[in-house]
Amino acid sequence: MGQKSEEKRRYILEKARGVFAARGYRSVTMADIVEACGISRGGLYLYFHSTEEILLTLLREQEEQESDLVSEAVRERTSSAEILSRCLGQKVEDLFSGKALCAAEYEYVFAGGEDDFLRERTASMQRTLEYLLRVGSRRGELSCKDPAASARTLVLALEGMRILSCTGRLSREAAARDLADLLGSLGIQPPALDRINR
């Protein structure tokens, strides 16, 4: 794919992200994405064949970006506590960014979509968190007696926050407090709350 094609693909994905974030999954059509992008229907179909393909591309790319950020921080020898603080802080912050895909992801899965994605996303997150907790505990950077159990707890808490944020039952302030409590229980300094509390 040439540079112009890749730029167009990125443009379509960014516009589609806004549509899915605002409307969920079930009610979004290819015509909605065509309208948001200001391109022809044929122009959209050169890159994507369905709303499902677009949503799954967005979700997979989001997971890859998060994984790359963690890998880069590990390579730079950033402490596990700092990586966890940044990573979890960013996940919570993203819930209130106006571009969160939580509702679209859950609608897709519960409408009979590819539920392997949701399972793999949470399993991957749990493996990453467990790894960081093990390394951080071994280095004495944090206090965690059972990294596997703590990773499961963090994943469940984050999923709960995602669901509550989708339904409008979680405020930015409550999310910041909950994140601070979770990280504090591991001896980790939470990210600056004003970043999440804007």
N, C-alpha and C. Protein backbone atom coordinates (compact mmCIF):
# COMPACT_ATOMS: atom_id res chain seq x y z
N MET A 1 0.85 -1.17 0.00
CA MET A 1 0.00 0.00 0.00
C MET A 1 0.89 1.23 0.00
N GLY A 2 0.65 2.16 -0.93
CA GLY A 2 1.43 3.38 -1.02
C GLY A 2 1.11 4.34 0.11
N GLN A 3 1.90 5.42 0.21
CA GLN A 3 1.73 6.38 1.30
C GLN A 3 0.35 7.05 1.24
N LYS A 4 -0.08 7.44 0.04
CA LYS A 4 -1.40 8.09 -0.08
C LYS A 4 -2.53 7.14 0.32
N SER A 5 -2.40 5.88 -0.09
CA SER A 5 -3.41 4.89 0.27
C SER A 5 -3.45 4.67 1.77
N GLU A 6 -2.26 4.62 2.39
CA GLU A 6 -2.20 4.42 3.84
C GLU A 6 -2.77 5.64 4.56
N GLU A 7 -2.51 6.82 4.06
CA GLU A 7 -3.08 8.04 4.67
C GLU A 7 -4.60 8.02 4.57
N LYS A 8 -5.12 7.61 3.43
CA LYS A 8 -6.57 7.53 3.24
C LYS A 8 -7.18 6.49 4.17
N ARG A 9 -6.53 5.35 4.29
CA ARG A 9 -7.00 4.29 5.19
C ARG A 9 -7.03 4.81 6.63
N ARG A 10 -5.98 5.50 7.06
CA ARG A 10 -5.91 6.06 8.41
C ARG A 10 -7.03 7.09 8.62
N TYR A 11 -7.27 7.90 7.59
CA TYR A 11 -8.32 8.91 7.65
C TYR A 11 -9.68 8.25 7.85
N ILE A 12 -9.95 7.21 7.08
CA ILE A 12 -11.22 6.48 7.19
C ILE A 12 -11.37 5.90 8.60
N LEU A 13 -10.31 5.29 9.10
CA LEU A 13 -10.38 4.69 10.44
C LEU A 13 -10.62 5.75 11.51
N GLU A 14 -9.98 6.90 11.40
CA GLU A 14 -10.15 7.95 12.40
C GLU A 14 -11.59 8.48 12.38
N LYS A 15 -12.13 8.69 11.20
CA LYS A 15 -13.52 9.16 11.08
C LYS A 15 -14.48 8.09 11.59
N ALA A 16 -14.22 6.84 11.25
CA ALA A 16 -15.08 5.74 11.69
C ALA A 16 -15.04 5.61 13.21
N ARG A 17 -13.87 5.81 13.81
CA ARG A 17 -13.75 5.76 15.27
C ARG A 17 -14.73 6.75 15.91
N GLY A 18 -14.79 7.95 15.38
CA GLY A 18 -15.72 8.95 15.90
C GLY A 18 -17.18 8.52 15.77
N VAL A 19 -17.51 7.90 14.65
CA VAL A 19 -18.88 7.43 14.42
C VAL A 19 -19.23 6.31 15.40
N PHE A 20 -18.35 5.32 15.53
CA PHE A 20 -18.59 4.20 16.46
C PHE A 20 -18.64 4.69 17.91
N ALA A 21 -17.75 5.62 18.26
CA ALA A 21 -17.73 6.13 19.64
C ALA A 21 -19.03 6.86 19.96
N ALA A 22 -19.57 7.55 19.01
CA ALA A 22 -20.80 8.32 19.24
C ALA A 22 -22.06 7.46 19.17
N ARG A 23 -22.06 6.42 18.32
CA ARG A 23 -23.31 5.70 18.05
C ARG A 23 -23.30 4.22 18.39
N GLY A 24 -22.18 3.69 18.84
CA GLY A 24 -22.12 2.26 19.11
C GLY A 24 -21.81 1.50 17.83
N TYR A 25 -22.28 0.25 17.76
CA TYR A 25 -22.00 -0.58 16.58
C TYR A 25 -23.23 -0.87 15.74
N ARG A 26 -24.29 -1.33 16.39
CA ARG A 26 -25.44 -1.85 15.64
C ARG A 26 -26.09 -0.85 14.71
N SER A 27 -26.12 0.42 15.09
CA SER A 27 -26.83 1.39 14.27
C SER A 27 -25.95 2.02 13.18
N VAL A 28 -24.66 1.71 13.17
CA VAL A 28 -23.75 2.32 12.20
C VAL A 28 -23.77 1.52 10.89
N THR A 29 -23.91 2.25 9.79
CA THR A 29 -23.88 1.62 8.47
C THR A 29 -22.68 2.14 7.68
N MET A 30 -22.38 1.48 6.60
CA MET A 30 -21.30 1.95 5.73
C MET A 30 -21.64 3.34 5.20
N ALA A 31 -22.93 3.62 4.97
CA ALA A 31 -23.35 4.95 4.50
C ALA A 31 -22.99 6.02 5.53
N ASP A 32 -23.10 5.70 6.82
CA ASP A 32 -22.73 6.65 7.87
C ASP A 32 -21.24 6.98 7.81
N ILE A 33 -20.46 5.96 7.54
CA ILE A 33 -19.01 6.17 7.48
C ILE A 33 -18.64 6.93 6.21
N VAL A 34 -19.31 6.62 5.10
CA VAL A 34 -19.11 7.38 3.86
C VAL A 34 -19.39 8.86 4.11
N GLU A 35 -20.49 9.13 4.79
CA GLU A 35 -20.87 10.52 5.08
C GLU A 35 -19.85 11.20 5.99
N ALA A 36 -19.41 10.51 7.01
CA ALA A 36 -18.43 11.09 7.95
C ALA A 36 -17.10 11.39 7.26
N CYS A 37 -16.73 10.53 6.31
CA CYS A 37 -15.45 10.69 5.61
C CYS A 37 -15.54 11.67 4.45
N GLY A 38 -16.75 11.86 3.94
CA GLY A 38 -16.90 12.72 2.77
C GLY A 38 -16.28 12.11 1.53
N ILE A 39 -16.38 10.78 1.41
CA ILE A 39 -15.85 10.08 0.24
C ILE A 39 -16.98 9.29 -0.41
N SER A 40 -16.69 8.74 -1.59
CA SER A 40 -17.70 7.94 -2.27
C SER A 40 -17.80 6.57 -1.63
N ARG A 41 -18.93 5.92 -1.85
CA ARG A 41 -19.12 4.56 -1.34
C ARG A 41 -18.06 3.62 -1.92
N GLY A 42 -17.79 3.77 -3.22
CA GLY A 42 -16.76 2.94 -3.86
C GLY A 42 -15.39 3.19 -3.25
N GLY A 43 -15.12 4.46 -2.90
CA GLY A 43 -13.85 4.81 -2.27
C GLY A 43 -13.67 4.11 -0.93
N LEU A 44 -14.76 4.01 -0.17
CA LEU A 44 -14.70 3.31 1.11
C LEU A 44 -14.48 1.82 0.90
N TYR A 45 -15.20 1.23 -0.08
CA TYR A 45 -15.11 -0.21 -0.31
C TYR A 45 -13.75 -0.64 -0.87
N LEU A 46 -12.94 0.30 -1.35
CA LEU A 46 -11.57 -0.04 -1.75
C LEU A 46 -10.74 -0.46 -0.54
N TYR A 47 -11.12 0.05 0.63
CA TYR A 47 -10.34 -0.19 1.84
C TYR A 47 -11.00 -1.18 2.80
N PHE A 48 -12.32 -1.11 2.92
CA PHE A 48 -13.05 -1.94 3.87
C PHE A 48 -14.35 -2.42 3.26
N HIS A 49 -14.77 -3.64 3.64
CA HIS A 49 -15.97 -4.23 3.06
C HIS A 49 -17.19 -4.21 3.97
N SER A 50 -16.98 -3.89 5.25
CA SER A 50 -18.11 -3.89 6.18
C SER A 50 -17.79 -3.07 7.42
N THR A 51 -18.83 -2.71 8.15
CA THR A 51 -18.62 -2.01 9.42
C THR A 51 -17.91 -2.94 10.41
N GLU A 52 -18.20 -4.23 10.32
CA GLU A 52 -17.53 -5.20 11.19
C GLU A 52 -16.03 -5.16 10.96
N GLU A 53 -15.61 -5.18 9.71
CA GLU A 53 -14.18 -5.15 9.39
C GLU A 53 -13.53 -3.87 9.92
N ILE A 54 -14.21 -2.76 9.78
CA ILE A 54 -13.66 -1.49 10.26
C ILE A 54 -13.53 -1.50 11.78
N LEU A 55 -14.58 -1.92 12.48
CA LEU A 55 -14.54 -1.93 13.93
C LEU A 55 -13.44 -2.87 14.43
N LEU A 56 -13.36 -4.07 13.88
CA LEU A 56 -12.33 -5.02 14.33
C LEU A 56 -10.93 -4.48 14.04
N THR A 57 -10.75 -3.79 12.93
CA THR A 57 -9.45 -3.18 12.63
C THR A 57 -9.11 -2.15 13.69
N LEU A 58 -10.08 -1.30 14.04
CA LEU A 58 -9.85 -0.29 15.07
C LEU A 58 -9.50 -0.92 16.41
N LEU A 59 -10.23 -1.95 16.79
CA LEU A 59 -10.00 -2.60 18.09
C LEU A 59 -8.65 -3.29 18.12
N ARG A 60 -8.30 -3.98 17.05
CA ARG A 60 -7.01 -4.68 17.01
C ARG A 60 -5.84 -3.69 17.01
N GLU A 61 -5.98 -2.61 16.25
CA GLU A 61 -4.91 -1.61 16.22
C GLU A 61 -4.75 -0.96 17.59
N GLN A 62 -5.84 -0.74 18.27
CA GLN A 62 -5.78 -0.14 19.61
C GLN A 62 -5.01 -1.05 20.56
N GLU A 63 -5.28 -2.36 20.50
CA GLU A 63 -4.57 -3.31 21.35
C GLU A 63 -3.09 -3.37 20.99
N GLU A 64 -2.78 -3.34 19.69
CA GLU A 64 -1.38 -3.37 19.26
C GLU A 64 -0.63 -2.13 19.75
N GLN A 65 -1.27 -0.97 19.68
CA GLN A 65 -0.63 0.27 20.14
C GLN A 65 -0.34 0.20 21.64
N GLU A 66 -1.30 -0.30 22.41
CA GLU A 66 -1.09 -0.42 23.85
C GLU A 66 0.04 -1.39 24.15
N SER A 67 0.08 -2.51 23.44
CA SER A 67 1.13 -3.51 23.63
C SER A 67 2.49 -2.92 23.26
N ASP A 68 2.54 -2.16 22.16
CA ASP A 68 3.80 -1.53 21.73
C ASP A 68 4.30 -0.54 22.77
N LEU A 69 3.39 0.23 23.37
CA LEU A 69 3.78 1.20 24.39
C LEU A 69 4.40 0.50 25.61
N VAL A 70 3.80 -0.60 26.03
CA VAL A 70 4.34 -1.36 27.16
C VAL A 70 5.70 -1.94 26.79
N SER A 71 5.81 -2.53 25.61
CA SER A 71 7.09 -3.12 25.17
C SER A 71 8.19 -2.07 25.11
N GLU A 72 7.86 -0.90 24.59
CA GLU A 72 8.84 0.19 24.49
C GLU A 72 9.30 0.63 25.88
N ALA A 73 8.35 0.77 26.80
CA ALA A 73 8.69 1.18 28.16
C ALA A 73 9.58 0.14 28.84
N VAL A 74 9.31 -1.15 28.60
CA VAL A 74 10.13 -2.22 29.17
C VAL A 74 11.55 -2.14 28.59
N ARG A 75 11.66 -1.92 27.27
CA ARG A 75 12.98 -1.81 26.63
C ARG A 75 13.76 -0.63 27.19
N GLU A 76 13.07 0.45 27.51
CA GLU A 76 13.72 1.64 28.06
C GLU A 76 14.03 1.49 29.54
N ARG A 77 13.73 0.32 30.09
CA ARG A 77 13.99 0.00 31.49
C ARG A 77 13.20 0.90 32.46
N THR A 78 12.02 1.30 32.03
CA THR A 78 11.11 2.03 32.91
C THR A 78 10.64 1.06 33.99
N SER A 79 10.48 1.54 35.21
CA SER A 79 10.06 0.64 36.29
C SER A 79 8.67 0.08 36.00
N SER A 80 8.43 -1.12 36.48
CA SER A 80 7.12 -1.75 36.30
C SER A 80 6.02 -0.92 36.93
N ALA A 81 6.31 -0.32 38.08
CA ALA A 81 5.32 0.51 38.76
C ALA A 81 4.92 1.70 37.88
N GLU A 82 5.92 2.33 37.23
CA GLU A 82 5.64 3.47 36.36
C GLU A 82 4.86 3.03 35.12
N ILE A 83 5.24 1.88 34.55
CA ILE A 83 4.52 1.38 33.37
C ILE A 83 3.06 1.09 33.73
N LEU A 84 2.84 0.42 34.86
CA LEU A 84 1.47 0.11 35.28
C LEU A 84 0.68 1.39 35.51
N SER A 85 1.29 2.36 36.17
CA SER A 85 0.61 3.62 36.44
C SER A 85 0.21 4.31 35.14
N ARG A 86 1.17 4.40 34.21
CA ARG A 86 0.90 5.06 32.92
C ARG A 86 -0.14 4.29 32.11
N CYS A 87 0.05 2.97 32.01
CA CYS A 87 -0.82 2.12 31.18
C CYS A 87 -2.26 2.15 31.70
N LEU A 88 -2.44 1.92 32.99
CA LEU A 88 -3.80 1.90 33.54
C LEU A 88 -4.41 3.30 33.55
N GLY A 89 -3.58 4.30 33.82
CA GLY A 89 -4.07 5.68 33.77
C GLY A 89 -4.58 6.04 32.38
N GLN A 90 -3.83 5.61 31.35
CA GLN A 90 -4.24 5.88 29.97
C GLN A 90 -5.53 5.15 29.62
N LYS A 91 -5.65 3.90 30.08
CA LYS A 91 -6.87 3.14 29.80
C LYS A 91 -8.09 3.84 30.40
N VAL A 92 -7.96 4.34 31.64
CA VAL A 92 -9.08 5.03 32.28
C VAL A 92 -9.33 6.37 31.60
N GLU A 93 -8.26 7.08 31.28
CA GLU A 93 -8.41 8.37 30.60
C GLU A 93 -9.13 8.21 29.26
N ASP A 94 -8.80 7.15 28.53
CA ASP A 94 -9.41 6.91 27.23
C ASP A 94 -10.93 6.73 27.32
N LEU A 95 -11.42 6.24 28.45
CA LEU A 95 -12.86 6.05 28.63
C LEU A 95 -13.63 7.36 28.50
N PHE A 96 -12.96 8.47 28.81
CA PHE A 96 -13.64 9.76 28.82
C PHE A 96 -13.15 10.67 27.70
N SER A 97 -12.50 10.09 26.71
CA SER A 97 -11.91 10.89 25.63
C SER A 97 -12.91 11.28 24.56
N GLY A 98 -14.08 10.65 24.56
CA GLY A 98 -15.04 10.90 23.48
C GLY A 98 -14.78 10.01 22.28
N LYS A 99 -13.73 9.22 22.33
CA LYS A 99 -13.41 8.32 21.21
C LYS A 99 -13.32 6.87 21.67
N ALA A 100 -13.84 6.59 22.85
CA ALA A 100 -13.81 5.23 23.38
C ALA A 100 -14.73 4.33 22.56
N LEU A 101 -14.27 3.12 22.32
CA LEU A 101 -15.04 2.17 21.51
C LEU A 101 -15.71 1.09 22.35
N CYS A 102 -15.77 1.30 23.67
CA CYS A 102 -16.33 0.28 24.58
C CYS A 102 -17.74 -0.14 24.16
N ALA A 103 -18.62 0.83 24.02
CA ALA A 103 -20.02 0.50 23.71
C ALA A 103 -20.11 -0.25 22.39
N ALA A 104 -19.36 0.20 21.38
CA ALA A 104 -19.39 -0.47 20.08
C ALA A 104 -18.86 -1.90 20.20
N GLU A 105 -17.79 -2.08 20.97
CA GLU A 105 -17.22 -3.42 21.14
C GLU A 105 -18.21 -4.35 21.82
N TYR A 106 -18.83 -3.90 22.91
CA TYR A 106 -19.78 -4.77 23.62
C TYR A 106 -21.01 -5.04 22.75
N GLU A 107 -21.51 -4.05 22.05
CA GLU A 107 -22.66 -4.27 21.16
C GLU A 107 -22.32 -5.31 20.11
N TYR A 108 -21.13 -5.18 19.54
CA TYR A 108 -20.70 -6.12 18.50
C TYR A 108 -20.68 -7.55 19.04
N VAL A 109 -20.04 -7.72 20.17
CA VAL A 109 -19.91 -9.06 20.76
C VAL A 109 -21.27 -9.63 21.13
N PHE A 110 -22.11 -8.82 21.78
CA PHE A 110 -23.40 -9.32 22.25
C PHE A 110 -24.42 -9.49 21.11
N ALA A 111 -24.13 -8.90 19.96
CA ALA A 111 -25.00 -9.09 18.79
C ALA A 111 -24.58 -10.33 18.00
N GLY A 112 -23.65 -11.10 18.56
CA GLY A 112 -23.24 -12.34 17.89
C GLY A 112 -21.95 -12.22 17.12
N GLY A 113 -21.22 -11.13 17.33
CA GLY A 113 -19.94 -10.95 16.63
C GLY A 113 -18.86 -11.85 17.19
N GLU A 114 -17.68 -11.62 16.75
CA GLU A 114 -16.52 -12.44 17.08
C GLU A 114 -16.15 -12.26 18.56
N ASP A 115 -16.68 -13.11 19.43
CA ASP A 115 -16.41 -12.96 20.86
C ASP A 115 -15.01 -13.40 21.25
N ASP A 116 -14.31 -14.07 20.34
CA ASP A 116 -12.92 -14.44 20.61
C ASP A 116 -12.08 -13.18 20.83
N PHE A 117 -12.44 -12.10 20.15
CA PHE A 117 -11.68 -10.86 20.30
C PHE A 117 -11.72 -10.37 21.74
N LEU A 118 -12.90 -10.32 22.32
CA LEU A 118 -13.06 -9.84 23.69
C LEU A 118 -12.31 -10.76 24.67
N ARG A 119 -12.44 -12.05 24.47
CA ARG A 119 -11.73 -13.01 25.32
C ARG A 119 -10.22 -12.84 25.22
N GLU A 120 -9.73 -12.72 23.99
CA GLU A 120 -8.29 -12.58 23.78
C GLU A 120 -7.79 -11.23 24.31
N ARG A 121 -8.58 -10.17 24.15
CA ARG A 121 -8.17 -8.86 24.66
C ARG A 121 -7.99 -8.90 26.16
N THR A 122 -8.95 -9.47 26.87
CA THR A 122 -8.84 -9.51 28.33
C THR A 122 -7.73 -10.47 28.77
N ALA A 123 -7.56 -11.59 28.08
CA ALA A 123 -6.49 -12.54 28.42
C ALA A 123 -5.12 -11.90 28.19
N SER A 124 -4.98 -11.18 27.09
CA SER A 124 -3.72 -10.52 26.78
C SER A 124 -3.41 -9.44 27.82
N MET A 125 -4.42 -8.67 28.19
CA MET A 125 -4.23 -7.64 29.20
C MET A 125 -3.81 -8.27 30.52
N GLN A 126 -4.45 -9.37 30.87
CA GLN A 126 -4.13 -10.05 32.13
C GLN A 126 -2.69 -10.58 32.12
N ARG A 127 -2.26 -11.16 30.99
CA ARG A 127 -0.87 -11.66 30.89
C ARG A 127 0.13 -10.52 31.04
N THR A 128 -0.15 -9.39 30.38
CA THR A 128 0.75 -8.24 30.45
C THR A 128 0.84 -7.70 31.88
N LEU A 129 -0.32 -7.54 32.51
CA LEU A 129 -0.34 -7.02 33.88
C LEU A 129 0.36 -7.97 34.84
N GLU A 130 0.13 -9.27 34.68
CA GLU A 130 0.79 -10.25 35.55
C GLU A 130 2.30 -10.19 35.38
N TYR A 131 2.76 -10.08 34.14
CA TYR A 131 4.20 -9.97 33.88
C TYR A 131 4.78 -8.74 34.58
N LEU A 132 4.12 -7.60 34.41
CA LEU A 132 4.61 -6.36 35.03
C LEU A 132 4.60 -6.46 36.56
N LEU A 133 3.56 -7.08 37.10
CA LEU A 133 3.48 -7.24 38.56
C LEU A 133 4.58 -8.17 39.07
N ARG A 134 4.86 -9.24 38.34
CA ARG A 134 5.93 -10.18 38.74
C ARG A 134 7.29 -9.47 38.73
N VAL A 135 7.57 -8.78 37.64
CA VAL A 135 8.86 -8.09 37.51
C VAL A 135 8.98 -7.01 38.59
N GLY A 136 7.91 -6.22 38.77
CA GLY A 136 7.94 -5.16 39.77
C GLY A 136 8.12 -5.69 41.18
N SER A 137 7.49 -6.82 41.48
CA SER A 137 7.63 -7.44 42.81
C SER A 137 9.05 -7.95 43.01
N ARG A 138 9.58 -8.59 41.98
CA ARG A 138 10.94 -9.13 42.07
C ARG A 138 11.97 -8.02 42.29
N ARG A 139 11.74 -6.88 41.65
CA ARG A 139 12.67 -5.74 41.78
C ARG A 139 12.41 -4.91 43.04
N GLY A 140 11.32 -5.23 43.75
CA GLY A 140 10.99 -4.46 44.94
C GLY A 140 10.35 -3.11 44.65
N GLU A 141 9.83 -2.93 43.43
CA GLU A 141 9.21 -1.66 43.01
C GLU A 141 7.77 -1.54 43.50
N LEU A 142 7.17 -2.67 43.81
CA LEU A 142 5.78 -2.66 44.26
C LEU A 142 5.54 -3.84 45.19
N SER A 143 4.39 -3.80 45.82
CA SER A 143 4.05 -4.83 46.80
C SER A 143 2.92 -5.70 46.27
N CYS A 144 3.26 -6.92 45.84
CA CYS A 144 2.24 -7.80 45.26
C CYS A 144 2.58 -9.25 45.60
N LYS A 145 1.77 -9.84 46.47
CA LYS A 145 2.03 -11.22 46.91
C LYS A 145 1.63 -12.25 45.86
N ASP A 146 0.57 -11.97 45.11
CA ASP A 146 0.07 -12.93 44.12
C ASP A 146 -0.20 -12.20 42.81
N PRO A 147 0.83 -12.08 41.94
CA PRO A 147 0.68 -11.34 40.69
C PRO A 147 -0.48 -11.82 39.81
N ALA A 148 -0.71 -13.14 39.77
CA ALA A 148 -1.80 -13.66 38.92
C ALA A 148 -3.15 -13.18 39.43
N ALA A 149 -3.37 -13.27 40.73
CA ALA A 149 -4.65 -12.83 41.31
C ALA A 149 -4.81 -11.32 41.17
N SER A 150 -3.74 -10.58 41.40
CA SER A 150 -3.81 -9.11 41.28
C SER A 150 -4.10 -8.69 39.83
N ALA A 151 -3.49 -9.39 38.88
CA ALA A 151 -3.74 -9.08 37.46
C ALA A 151 -5.21 -9.33 37.12
N ARG A 152 -5.76 -10.46 37.61
CA ARG A 152 -7.19 -10.75 37.37
C ARG A 152 -8.06 -9.65 37.97
N THR A 153 -7.74 -9.23 39.19
CA THR A 153 -8.51 -8.18 39.85
C THR A 153 -8.46 -6.88 39.06
N LEU A 154 -7.27 -6.52 38.58
CA LEU A 154 -7.14 -5.30 37.79
C LEU A 154 -7.95 -5.37 36.50
N VAL A 155 -7.90 -6.52 35.83
CA VAL A 155 -8.66 -6.68 34.58
C VAL A 155 -10.16 -6.57 34.85
N LEU A 156 -10.62 -7.24 35.89
CA LEU A 156 -12.06 -7.15 36.23
C LEU A 156 -12.46 -5.73 36.59
N ALA A 157 -11.61 -5.03 37.34
CA ALA A 157 -11.91 -3.65 37.70
C ALA A 157 -11.97 -2.76 36.46
N LEU A 158 -11.02 -2.94 35.56
CA LEU A 158 -11.01 -2.13 34.33
C LEU A 158 -12.22 -2.43 33.46
N GLU A 159 -12.58 -3.71 33.34
CA GLU A 159 -13.77 -4.06 32.55
C GLU A 159 -15.02 -3.45 33.19
N GLY A 160 -15.09 -3.49 34.51
CA GLY A 160 -16.22 -2.87 35.20
C GLY A 160 -16.28 -1.38 34.92
N MET A 161 -15.13 -0.71 34.94
CA MET A 161 -15.09 0.72 34.63
C MET A 161 -15.54 0.98 33.19
N ARG A 162 -15.11 0.10 32.27
CA ARG A 162 -15.50 0.27 30.86
C ARG A 162 -17.01 0.17 30.72
N ILE A 163 -17.59 -0.84 31.36
CA ILE A 163 -19.05 -1.03 31.26
C ILE A 163 -19.78 0.14 31.89
N LEU A 164 -19.36 0.55 33.07
CA LEU A 164 -20.02 1.67 33.74
C LEU A 164 -19.86 2.97 32.97
N SER A 165 -18.71 3.16 32.35
CA SER A 165 -18.53 4.39 31.56
C SER A 165 -19.43 4.39 30.32
N CYS A 166 -19.65 3.20 29.74
CA CYS A 166 -20.54 3.09 28.57
C CYS A 166 -21.97 3.46 28.92
N THR A 167 -22.36 3.14 30.13
CA THR A 167 -23.75 3.38 30.54
C THR A 167 -23.92 4.73 31.21
N GLY A 168 -22.83 5.49 31.31
CA GLY A 168 -22.91 6.80 31.93
C GLY A 168 -22.99 6.76 33.44
N ARG A 169 -22.66 5.61 34.03
CA ARG A 169 -22.77 5.46 35.48
C ARG A 169 -21.43 5.58 36.20
N LEU A 170 -20.42 6.07 35.50
CA LEU A 170 -19.11 6.27 36.11
C LEU A 170 -18.60 7.64 35.70
N SER A 171 -18.35 8.47 36.69
CA SER A 171 -17.82 9.80 36.40
C SER A 171 -16.30 9.74 36.28
N ARG A 172 -15.74 10.72 35.66
CA ARG A 172 -14.29 10.84 35.54
C ARG A 172 -13.64 10.87 36.93
N GLU A 173 -14.28 11.59 37.85
CA GLU A 173 -13.75 11.73 39.21
C GLU A 173 -13.75 10.38 39.93
N ALA A 174 -14.86 9.64 39.82
CA ALA A 174 -14.95 8.33 40.47
C ALA A 174 -13.93 7.36 39.86
N ALA A 175 -13.75 7.42 38.56
CA ALA A 175 -12.77 6.55 37.90
C ALA A 175 -11.37 6.87 38.39
N ALA A 176 -11.04 8.15 38.54
CA ALA A 176 -9.72 8.56 39.03
C ALA A 176 -9.50 8.05 40.46
N ARG A 177 -10.52 8.17 41.30
CA ARG A 177 -10.40 7.68 42.68
C ARG A 177 -10.22 6.17 42.71
N ASP A 178 -11.02 5.46 41.91
CA ASP A 178 -10.93 4.00 41.88
C ASP A 178 -9.55 3.55 41.40
N LEU A 179 -9.03 4.22 40.36
CA LEU A 179 -7.71 3.88 39.85
C LEU A 179 -6.65 4.14 40.92
N ALA A 180 -6.75 5.26 41.61
CA ALA A 180 -5.79 5.57 42.68
C ALA A 180 -5.83 4.50 43.76
N ASP A 181 -7.04 4.05 44.13
CA ASP A 181 -7.17 2.99 45.15
C ASP A 181 -6.54 1.68 44.67
N LEU A 182 -6.81 1.30 43.42
CA LEU A 182 -6.26 0.06 42.88
C LEU A 182 -4.73 0.10 42.88
N LEU A 183 -4.18 1.18 42.36
CA LEU A 183 -2.73 1.28 42.28
C LEU A 183 -2.12 1.41 43.67
N GLY A 184 -2.78 2.17 44.54
CA GLY A 184 -2.28 2.33 45.91
C GLY A 184 -2.19 1.01 46.64
N SER A 185 -3.14 0.09 46.38
CA SER A 185 -3.11 -1.21 47.05
C SER A 185 -1.89 -2.03 46.65
N LEU A 186 -1.26 -1.66 45.54
CA LEU A 186 -0.05 -2.35 45.08
C LEU A 186 1.20 -1.55 45.40
N GLY A 187 1.02 -0.44 46.10
CA GLY A 187 2.16 0.40 46.42
C GLY A 187 2.64 1.22 45.25
N ILE A 188 1.73 1.51 44.31
CA ILE A 188 2.09 2.26 43.10
C ILE A 188 1.47 3.65 43.19
N GLN A 189 2.27 4.66 42.90
CA GLN A 189 1.77 6.03 42.85
C GLN A 189 0.89 6.17 41.61
N PRO A 190 -0.36 6.63 41.78
CA PRO A 190 -1.23 6.77 40.61
C PRO A 190 -0.77 7.93 39.73
N PRO A 191 -1.20 7.93 38.47
CA PRO A 191 -0.86 9.06 37.59
C PRO A 191 -1.52 10.32 38.12
N ALA A 192 -1.04 11.46 37.68
CA ALA A 192 -1.63 12.73 38.12
C ALA A 192 -3.12 12.72 37.86
N LEU A 193 -3.91 12.86 38.91
CA LEU A 193 -5.35 12.76 38.78
C LEU A 193 -5.94 13.89 37.96
N ASP A 194 -5.26 15.03 37.91
CA ASP A 194 -5.82 16.13 37.12
C ASP A 194 -5.83 15.79 35.64
N ARG A 195 -4.96 14.86 35.22
CA ARG A 195 -4.97 14.42 33.82
C ARG A 195 -6.27 13.68 33.52
N ILE A 196 -6.73 12.90 34.49
CA ILE A 196 -7.96 12.15 34.29
C ILE A 196 -9.17 13.01 34.66
N ASN A 197 -9.01 13.90 35.62
CA ASN A 197 -10.12 14.70 36.13
C ASN A 197 -10.38 15.97 35.33
N ARG A 198 -9.89 16.09 34.09
CA ARG A 198 -10.10 17.36 33.39
C ARG A 198 -11.55 17.63 33.15
